[in-house]
C-alpha atoms as a PDB file:
ATOM      1  CA  UNK A   1      53.661  -6.542  -4.842  1.00  0.00           C
ATOM      2  CA  UNK A   2      51.236  -7.502  -7.555  1.00  0.00           C
ATOM      3  CA  UNK A   3      48.499  -5.983  -5.802  1.00  0.00           C
ATOM      4  CA  UNK A   4      50.130  -2.499  -5.478  1.00  0.00           C
ATOM      5  CA  UNK A   5      51.291  -2.610  -9.631  1.00  0.00           C
ATOM      6  CA  UNK A   6      47.560  -3.404 -10.243  1.00  0.00           C
ATOM      7  CA  UNK A   7      46.030  -0.651  -7.851  1.00  0.00           C
ATOM      8  CA  UNK A   8      48.823   1.818  -9.419  1.00  0.00           C
ATOM      9  CA  UNK A   9      47.601   1.063 -12.916  1.00  0.00           C
ATOM     10  CA  UNK A  10      43.774   1.441 -12.257  1.00  0.00           C
ATOM     11  CA  UNK A  11      42.884   5.177 -12.771  1.00  0.00           C
ATOM     12  CA  UNK A  12      39.699   5.854 -11.344  1.00  0.00           C
ATOM     13  CA  UNK A  13      36.837   8.137 -13.678  1.00  0.00           C
ATOM     14  CA  UNK A  14      36.452  11.416 -12.284  1.00  0.00           C
ATOM     15  CA  UNK A  15      32.977  10.908 -12.125  1.00  0.00           C
ATOM     16  CA  UNK A  16      32.745   8.055  -9.705  1.00  0.00           C
ATOM     17  CA  UNK A  17      35.222  10.592  -7.361  1.00  0.00           C
ATOM     18  CA  UNK A  18      33.732  12.883  -5.149  1.00  0.00           C
ATOM     19  CA  UNK A  19      34.504  16.847  -6.087  1.00  0.00           C
ATOM     20  CA  UNK A  20      34.863  17.917  -2.205  1.00  0.00           C
ATOM     21  CA  UNK A  21      36.440  15.188  -0.212  1.00  0.00           C
ATOM     22  CA  UNK A  22      37.845  13.253  -3.189  1.00  0.00           C
ATOM     23  CA  UNK A  23      35.847   9.865  -1.986  1.00  0.00           C
ATOM     24  CA  UNK A  24      35.427   7.443  -4.229  1.00  0.00           C
ATOM     25  CA  UNK A  25      32.077   6.078  -4.728  1.00  0.00           C
ATOM     26  CA  UNK A  26      33.814   2.476  -4.351  1.00  0.00           C
ATOM     27  CA  UNK A  27      34.650   3.285  -1.181  1.00  0.00           C
ATOM     28  CA  UNK A  28      31.309   4.755  -0.176  1.00  0.00           C
ATOM     29  CA  UNK A  29      29.509   1.567  -1.258  1.00  0.00           C
ATOM     30  CA  UNK A  30      31.909  -0.798   0.417  1.00  0.00           C
ATOM     31  CA  UNK A  31      31.958   1.342   3.483  1.00  0.00           C
ATOM     32  CA  UNK A  32      28.186   0.763   3.824  1.00  0.00           C
ATOM     33  CA  UNK A  33      26.829  -1.774   1.752  1.00  0.00           C
ATOM     34  CA  UNK A  34      29.808  -4.175   1.175  1.00  0.00           C
ATOM     35  CA  UNK A  35      27.679  -7.155   1.227  1.00  0.00           C
ATOM     36  CA  UNK A  36      24.678  -6.186  -0.960  1.00  0.00           C
ATOM     37  CA  UNK A  37      25.542  -5.869  -4.387  1.00  0.00           C
ATOM     38  CA  UNK A  38      22.058  -4.445  -6.163  1.00  0.00           C
ATOM     39  CA  UNK A  39      21.851  -1.403  -3.180  1.00  0.00           C
ATOM     40  CA  UNK A  40      25.771  -0.982  -3.713  1.00  0.00           C
ATOM     41  CA  UNK A  41      25.030  -0.620  -7.369  1.00  0.00           C
ATOM     42  CA  UNK A  42      22.237   1.747  -6.818  1.00  0.00           C
ATOM     43  CA  UNK A  43      24.483   4.055  -4.721  1.00  0.00           C
ATOM     44  CA  UNK A  44      26.946   3.874  -7.429  1.00  0.00           C
ATOM     45  CA  UNK A  45      25.065   4.942 -10.129  1.00  0.00           C
ATOM     46  CA  UNK A  46      23.347   8.074  -7.697  1.00  0.00           C
ATOM     47  CA  UNK A  47      26.233   9.063  -6.749  1.00  0.00           C
ATOM     48  CA  UNK A  48      27.814   9.320 -10.451  1.00  0.00           C
ATOM     49  CA  UNK A  49      24.056  10.611 -12.028  1.00  0.00           C
ATOM     50  CA  UNK A  50      24.783  13.509 -14.325  1.00  0.00           C
ATOM     51  CA  UNK A  51      28.438  13.333 -13.901  1.00  0.00           C
ATOM     52  CA  UNK A  52      29.615  10.958 -16.588  1.00  0.00           C
ATOM     53  CA  UNK A  53      29.951  12.545 -20.193  1.00  0.00           C
ATOM     54  CA  UNK A  54      27.408  11.902 -22.953  1.00  0.00           C
ATOM     55  CA  UNK A  55      25.115   9.776 -20.043  1.00  0.00           C
ATOM     56  CA  UNK A  56      21.932  11.549 -19.186  1.00  0.00           C
ATOM     57  CA  UNK A  57      21.177  11.879 -15.134  1.00  0.00           C
ATOM     58  CA  UNK A  58      17.906  10.093 -15.883  1.00  0.00           C
ATOM     59  CA  UNK A  59      19.738   7.060 -17.256  1.00  0.00           C
ATOM     60  CA  UNK A  60      21.828   6.651 -14.412  1.00  0.00           C
ATOM     61  CA  UNK A  61      18.821   7.118 -11.812  1.00  0.00           C
ATOM     62  CA  UNK A  62      16.987   4.604 -13.764  1.00  0.00           C
ATOM     63  CA  UNK A  63      19.646   2.241 -13.859  1.00  0.00           C
ATOM     64  CA  UNK A  64      19.411   2.645  -9.826  1.00  0.00           C
ATOM     65  CA  UNK A  65      16.250   2.276  -9.650  1.00  0.00           C
ATOM     66  CA  UNK A  66      16.064  -1.214 -11.503  1.00  0.00           C
ATOM     67  CA  UNK A  67      19.121  -2.384  -9.310  1.00  0.00           C
ATOM     68  CA  UNK A  68      16.821  -1.180  -5.869  1.00  0.00           C
ATOM     69  CA  UNK A  69      13.762  -2.812  -7.783  1.00  0.00           C
ATOM     70  CA  UNK A  70      15.687  -6.127  -7.819  1.00  0.00           C
ATOM     71  CA  UNK A  71      16.311  -6.034  -4.518  1.00  0.00           C
ATOM     72  CA  UNK A  72      13.149  -5.474  -3.466  1.00  0.00           C
ATOM     73  CA  UNK A  73      11.977  -8.719  -5.210  1.00  0.00           C
ATOM     74  CA  UNK A  74      15.156 -10.543  -3.986  1.00  0.00           C
ATOM     75  CA  UNK A  75      13.806  -9.458  -0.129  1.00  0.00           C
ATOM     76  CA  UNK A  76      10.316  -9.991  -0.968  1.00  0.00           C
ATOM     77  CA  UNK A  77      10.967 -13.682  -1.899  1.00  0.00           C
ATOM     78  CA  UNK A  78      13.233 -14.088   1.201  1.00  0.00           C
ATOM     79  CA  UNK A  79      10.152 -13.372   3.407  1.00  0.00           C
ATOM     80  CA  UNK A  80       8.084 -15.603   1.355  1.00  0.00           C
ATOM     81  CA  UNK A  81      10.489 -18.259   1.883  1.00  0.00           C
ATOM     82  CA  UNK A  82      10.450 -17.638   5.536  1.00  0.00           C
ATOM     83  CA  UNK A  83       6.841 -17.379   6.283  1.00  0.00           C
ATOM     84  CA  UNK A  84       6.420 -20.506   4.076  1.00  0.00           C
ATOM     85  CA  UNK A  85       9.151 -22.278   6.372  1.00  0.00           C
ATOM     86  CA  UNK A  86       7.183 -20.292   9.643  1.00  0.00           C
ATOM     87  CA  UNK A  87       3.716 -21.714   8.464  1.00  0.00           C
ATOM     88  CA  UNK A  88       4.430 -25.393   7.525  1.00  0.00           C
ATOM     89  CA  UNK A  89       6.680 -25.745  11.226  1.00  0.00           C
ATOM     90  CA  UNK A  90       4.074 -23.449  13.457  1.00  0.00           C
ATOM     91  CA  UNK A  91       0.210 -25.166  13.466  1.00  0.00           C
ATOM     92  CA  UNK A  92      -0.905 -22.161  15.212  1.00  0.00           C
ATOM     93  CA  UNK A  93       0.517 -19.861  12.337  1.00  0.00           C
ATOM     94  CA  UNK A  94      -1.770 -22.038   9.644  1.00  0.00           C
ATOM     95  CA  UNK A  95      -4.793 -20.708  11.162  1.00  0.00           C
ATOM     96  CA  UNK A  96      -4.437 -17.242  10.296  1.00  0.00           C
ATOM     97  CA  UNK A  97      -5.142 -15.194   6.951  1.00  0.00           C
ATOM     98  CA  UNK A  98      -2.243 -12.916   7.464  1.00  0.00           C
ATOM     99  CA  UNK A  99      -0.434 -12.211   4.468  1.00  0.00           C
ATOM    100  CA  UNK A 100       2.533 -10.472   5.571  1.00  0.00           C
ATOM    101  CA  UNK A 101       5.173 -13.306   7.271  1.00  0.00           C
ATOM    102  CA  UNK A 102       6.862 -10.646   9.622  1.00  0.00           C
ATOM    103  CA  UNK A 103       3.415  -9.666  11.093  1.00  0.00           C
ATOM    104  CA  UNK A 104       2.855 -13.050  12.355  1.00  0.00           C
ATOM    105  CA  UNK A 105       6.080 -13.750  13.273  1.00  0.00           C
ATOM    106  CA  UNK A 106       5.420 -10.591  16.094  1.00  0.00           C
ATOM    107  CA  UNK A 107       2.146 -12.045  16.693  1.00  0.00           C
ATOM    108  CA  UNK A 108       3.342 -15.348  17.979  1.00  0.00           C
ATOM    109  CA  UNK A 109       6.195 -13.665  19.648  1.00  0.00           C
ATOM    110  CA  UNK A 110       3.551 -11.686  21.556  1.00  0.00           C
ATOM    111  CA  UNK A 111       1.481 -14.414  22.327  1.00  0.00           C
ATOM    112  CA  UNK A 112       4.233 -16.422  23.471  1.00  0.00           C
ATOM    113  CA  UNK A 113       5.047 -13.389  26.392  1.00  0.00           C
ATOM    114  CA  UNK A 114       1.401 -13.711  27.299  1.00  0.00           C
END
């Protein structure tokens, strides 16, 4: 009952609702990127870009880019940490000069198949 009351009280601004199908940006994000804050937020900024009063489109695009860059940093950090773990647990990995951890994983996997 409390959730229903809160939902009725919440008014979504028009700049977060699509013009043709009346789909809320929040619902799109939940459908595609529920578990990724940065991607979801970037999508939301892009969906509303140019529609929020007194807010230029370029500002929303810059905000989306900032969240995408943050997500790229996060993904690169995860890949680097994974590569370091792999390198410390597989002696053959330390004999290569490849910087790309994923390429190293695929190379190792291909060698094991042969």
